[in-house]
C-alpha atoms as a PDB file:
ATOM      1  CA  MET A   1       0.011  -0.108   0.213  1.00  0.00           C
ATOM      2  CA  LEU A   2       2.806   2.346   0.710  1.00  0.00           C
ATOM      3  CA  ARG A   3       4.307   1.525  -2.371  1.00  0.00           C
ATOM      4  CA  TYR A   4       1.128   2.660  -3.918  1.00  0.00           C
ATOM      5  CA  PHE A   5       0.752   5.681  -2.413  1.00  0.00           C
ATOM      6  CA  LEU A   6       4.484   6.852  -3.473  1.00  0.00           C
ATOM      7  CA  GLU A   7       3.713   6.106  -7.024  1.00  0.00           C
ATOM      8  CA  LEU A   8       0.419   7.942  -6.775  1.00  0.00           C
ATOM      9  CA  THR A   9       1.798  10.622  -5.093  1.00  0.00           C
ATOM     10  CA  GLY A  10       4.929  11.066  -7.834  1.00  0.00           C
ATOM     11  CA  ALA A  11       2.258  10.402 -10.664  1.00  0.00           C
ATOM     12  CA  PHE A  12       0.045  13.670  -8.986  1.00  0.00           C
ATOM     13  CA  LEU A  13       3.254  15.570  -8.730  1.00  0.00           C
ATOM     14  CA  VAL A  14       4.383  15.111 -12.226  1.00  0.00           C
ATOM     15  CA  TYR A  15       0.627  15.817 -12.664  1.00  0.00           C
ATOM     16  CA  GLY A  16       0.968  19.350 -11.171  1.00  0.00           C
ATOM     17  CA  LEU A  17       4.174  20.361 -12.639  1.00  0.00           C
ATOM     18  CA  SER A  18       2.625  19.518 -16.098  1.00  0.00           C
ATOM     19  CA  LEU A  19      -0.292  21.320 -15.301  1.00  0.00           C
ATOM     20  CA  TRP A  20       1.828  24.619 -13.949  1.00  0.00           C
ATOM     21  CA  ALA A  21       4.139  24.184 -17.082  1.00  0.00           C
ATOM     22  CA  SER A  22       0.938  24.098 -19.292  1.00  0.00           C
ATOM     23  CA  GLY A  23      -0.629  27.418 -17.678  1.00  0.00           C
ATOM     24  CA  GLN A  24       2.862  29.268 -17.722  1.00  0.00           C
ATOM     25  CA  LEU A  25       3.046  28.582 -22.111  1.00  0.00           C
ATOM     26  CA  ALA A  26      -0.520  29.171 -22.260  1.00  0.00           C
ATOM     27  CA  SER A  27      -0.209  32.843 -21.092  1.00  0.00           C
ATOM     28  CA  HIS A  28       2.808  33.629 -23.260  1.00  0.00           C
ATOM     29  CA  ILE A  29       0.741  32.565 -26.100  1.00  0.00           C
ATOM     30  CA  ASP A  30      -1.311  35.251 -27.454  1.00  0.00           C
ATOM     31  CA  THR A  31      -2.041  34.709 -30.983  1.00  0.00           C
ATOM     32  CA  GLY A  32      -5.603  32.322 -30.397  1.00  0.00           C
ATOM     33  CA  GLY A  33      -6.323  29.618 -32.393  1.00  0.00           C
ATOM     34  CA  HIS A  34      -4.801  26.452 -32.645  1.00  0.00           C
ATOM     35  CA  ALA A  35      -1.474  27.168 -31.433  1.00  0.00           C
ATOM     36  CA  GLN A  36      -3.180  27.639 -27.679  1.00  0.00           C
ATOM     37  CA  ILE A  37      -4.609  23.959 -28.251  1.00  0.00           C
ATOM     38  CA  TRP A  38      -0.986  22.173 -27.889  1.00  0.00           C
ATOM     39  CA  PRO A  39      -0.127  23.667 -24.554  1.00  0.00           C
ATOM     40  CA  ALA A  40      -3.292  22.965 -23.293  1.00  0.00           C
ATOM     41  CA  LEU A  41      -2.769  19.332 -23.788  1.00  0.00           C
ATOM     42  CA  ILE A  42       0.679  18.979 -21.618  1.00  0.00           C
ATOM     43  CA  PRO A  43      -0.732  17.459 -18.737  1.00  0.00           C
ATOM     44  CA  LEU A  44      -2.162  14.984 -21.076  1.00  0.00           C
ATOM     45  CA  PRO A  45       0.361  12.098 -20.518  1.00  0.00           C
ATOM     46  CA  SER A  46       0.563  12.856 -16.870  1.00  0.00           C
ATOM     47  CA  THR A  47      -2.944  11.846 -16.470  1.00  0.00           C
ATOM     48  CA  LEU A  48      -2.545   8.629 -18.198  1.00  0.00           C
ATOM     49  CA  LEU A  49       0.668   8.020 -15.714  1.00  0.00           C
ATOM     50  CA  VAL A  50      -2.354   8.470 -12.768  1.00  0.00           C
ATOM     51  CA  GLY A  51      -4.404   6.293 -14.694  1.00  0.00           C
ATOM     52  CA  TRP A  52      -2.014   3.597 -15.227  1.00  0.00           C
ATOM     53  CA  VAL A  53      -0.477   3.600 -11.409  1.00  0.00           C
ATOM     54  CA  MET A  54      -4.033   3.355 -10.484  1.00  0.00           C
ATOM     55  CA  TRP A  55      -4.591   0.294 -12.791  1.00  0.00           C
ATOM     56  CA  ARG A  56      -1.448  -1.447 -11.698  1.00  0.00           C
ATOM     57  CA  SER A  57      -3.117  -1.118  -8.164  1.00  0.00           C
ATOM     58  CA  VAL A  58      -6.196  -2.832  -9.181  1.00  0.00           C
ATOM     59  CA  LEU A  59      -4.337  -5.652 -10.650  1.00  0.00           C
ATOM     60  CA  LYS A  60      -2.375  -6.365  -7.561  1.00  0.00           C
ATOM     61  CA  MET A  61      -5.878  -6.604  -5.466  1.00  0.00           C
ATOM     62  CA  ASP A  62      -7.172 -10.021  -4.278  1.00  0.00           C
ATOM     63  CA  GLU A  63     -10.637 -10.931  -4.545  1.00  0.00           C
ATOM     64  CA  MET A  64     -11.702  -9.336  -1.465  1.00  0.00           C
ATOM     65  CA  GLN A  65      -9.880  -6.187  -2.325  1.00  0.00           C
ATOM     66  CA  LEU A  66     -11.613  -6.304  -5.762  1.00  0.00           C
ATOM     67  CA  ARG A  67     -14.951  -6.748  -4.163  1.00  0.00           C
ATOM     68  CA  GLN A  68     -14.829  -3.885  -2.222  1.00  0.00           C
ATOM     69  CA  GLN A  69     -13.315  -1.519  -4.892  1.00  0.00           C
ATOM     70  CA  LEU A  70     -16.415  -2.438  -7.065  1.00  0.00           C
ATOM     71  CA  GLU A  71     -18.691  -2.086  -4.371  1.00  0.00           C
ATOM     72  CA  ALA A  72     -17.123   1.838  -3.904  1.00  0.00           C
ATOM     73  CA  ILE A  73     -17.052   2.030  -6.996  1.00  0.00           C
ATOM     74  CA  GLY A  74     -20.363   1.723  -7.723  1.00  0.00           C
ATOM     75  CA  ILE A  75     -21.603   3.851  -4.792  1.00  0.00           C
ATOM     76  CA  ALA A  76     -19.314   6.755  -6.364  1.00  0.00           C
ATOM     77  CA  PHE A  77     -20.517   6.240  -9.871  1.00  0.00           C
ATOM     78  CA  ALA A  78     -24.456   6.475  -8.517  1.00  0.00           C
ATOM     79  CA  LEU A  79     -23.603   9.341  -6.498  1.00  0.00           C
ATOM     80  CA  THR A  80     -21.490  10.989  -8.954  1.00  0.00           C
ATOM     81  CA  GLY A  81     -24.299  10.501 -11.408  1.00  0.00           C
ATOM     82  CA  LEU A  82     -27.142  11.887  -8.924  1.00  0.00           C
ATOM     83  CA  LEU A  83     -25.143  15.183  -7.951  1.00  0.00           C
ATOM     84  CA  THR A  84     -24.373  16.016 -11.460  1.00  0.00           C
ATOM     85  CA  PHE A  85     -27.281  15.286 -12.948  1.00  0.00           C
ATOM     86  CA  ASN A  86     -29.715  17.050 -10.245  1.00  0.00           C
ATOM     87  CA  TYR A  87     -27.158  19.800 -10.598  1.00  0.00           C
ATOM     88  CA  GLY A  88     -28.099  20.508 -13.975  1.00  0.00           C
ATOM     89  CA  PHE A  89     -31.588  21.134 -12.593  1.00  0.00           C
ATOM     90  CA  LEU A  90     -30.232  23.821 -10.667  1.00  0.00           C
ATOM     91  CA  GLU A  91     -27.904  25.201 -13.460  1.00  0.00           C
ATOM     92  CA  SER A  92     -31.206  25.992 -14.932  1.00  0.00           C
ATOM     93  CA  VAL A  93     -32.544  28.426 -12.515  1.00  0.00           C
ATOM     94  CA  GLY A  94     -29.434  30.372 -12.092  1.00  0.00           C
ATOM     95  CA  PHE A  95     -27.025  28.439 -10.133  1.00  0.00           C
ATOM     96  CA  PRO A  96     -23.377  28.848 -11.408  1.00  0.00           C
ATOM     97  CA  ARG A  97     -22.259  26.280 -14.307  1.00  0.00           C
ATOM     98  CA  LEU A  98     -19.617  24.020 -13.216  1.00  0.00           C
ATOM     99  CA  THR A  99     -16.903  23.176 -16.060  1.00  0.00           C
ATOM    100  CA  MET A 100     -16.207  19.300 -16.597  1.00  0.00           C
ATOM    101  CA  PHE A 101     -12.973  19.728 -14.224  1.00  0.00           C
ATOM    102  CA  TRP A 102     -15.486  19.095 -11.130  1.00  0.00           C
ATOM    103  CA  VAL A 103     -16.792  15.440 -12.220  1.00  0.00           C
ATOM    104  CA  TRP A 104     -13.654  13.826 -11.456  1.00  0.00           C
ATOM    105  CA  PRO A 105     -13.011  15.432  -7.929  1.00  0.00           C
ATOM    106  CA  VAL A 106     -16.693  14.639  -6.870  1.00  0.00           C
ATOM    107  CA  MET A 107     -16.471  10.950  -8.888  1.00  0.00           C
ATOM    108  CA  CYS A 108     -12.841  10.503  -6.314  1.00  0.00           C
ATOM    109  CA  ALA A 109     -14.765  11.994  -3.528  1.00  0.00           C
ATOM    110  CA  ASN A 110     -17.550  10.173  -3.454  1.00  0.00           C
ATOM    111  CA  TRP A 111     -14.986   6.696  -4.098  1.00  0.00           C
ATOM    112  CA  VAL A 112     -13.875   7.614  -0.636  1.00  0.00           C
ATOM    113  CA  LEU A 113     -17.112   7.752   0.754  1.00  0.00           C
ATOM    114  CA  GLY A 114     -17.607   4.329  -0.678  1.00  0.00           C
ATOM    115  CA  GLN A 115     -14.463   2.958   0.692  1.00  0.00           C
ATOM    116  CA  ILE A 116     -15.834   4.106   4.105  1.00  0.00           C
ATOM    117  CA  ALA A 117     -19.339   2.615   3.950  1.00  0.00           C
ATOM    118  CA  VAL A 118     -18.123  -0.406   2.418  1.00  0.00           C
ATOM    119  CA  LYS A 119     -15.277  -0.976   4.962  1.00  0.00           C
ATOM    120  CA  LEU A 120     -17.733  -0.450   7.800  1.00  0.00           C
ATOM    121  CA  ARG A 121     -20.116  -3.017   6.159  1.00  0.00           C
ATOM    122  CA  TYR A 122     -17.169  -5.452   5.864  1.00  0.00           C
END
């Protein structure tokens, strides 16, 4: 578990640095149009690294851990769907519009809540 935590922390650090670099580079490009696409994609490889670290962790789990993770992910999927869908109704009556950047952090938070619920159950 410590190794996974260290690998995930490293991947998120790489992501943070690439996000910072992307913002720095994008702020120096004022030409508009397609030239701004490339700096915006700088964090893409680091997001793939985060996904790869997570996937490797899943492959190393035993059957009970897999079952618990599946249940936690199911809870996260349902809660995220309910929250984002219902927030869409609130946006139609004047609540601020949120970008897609909010979906993954909300899903991660719901995954943690799902893990807590599953751990309490077992």
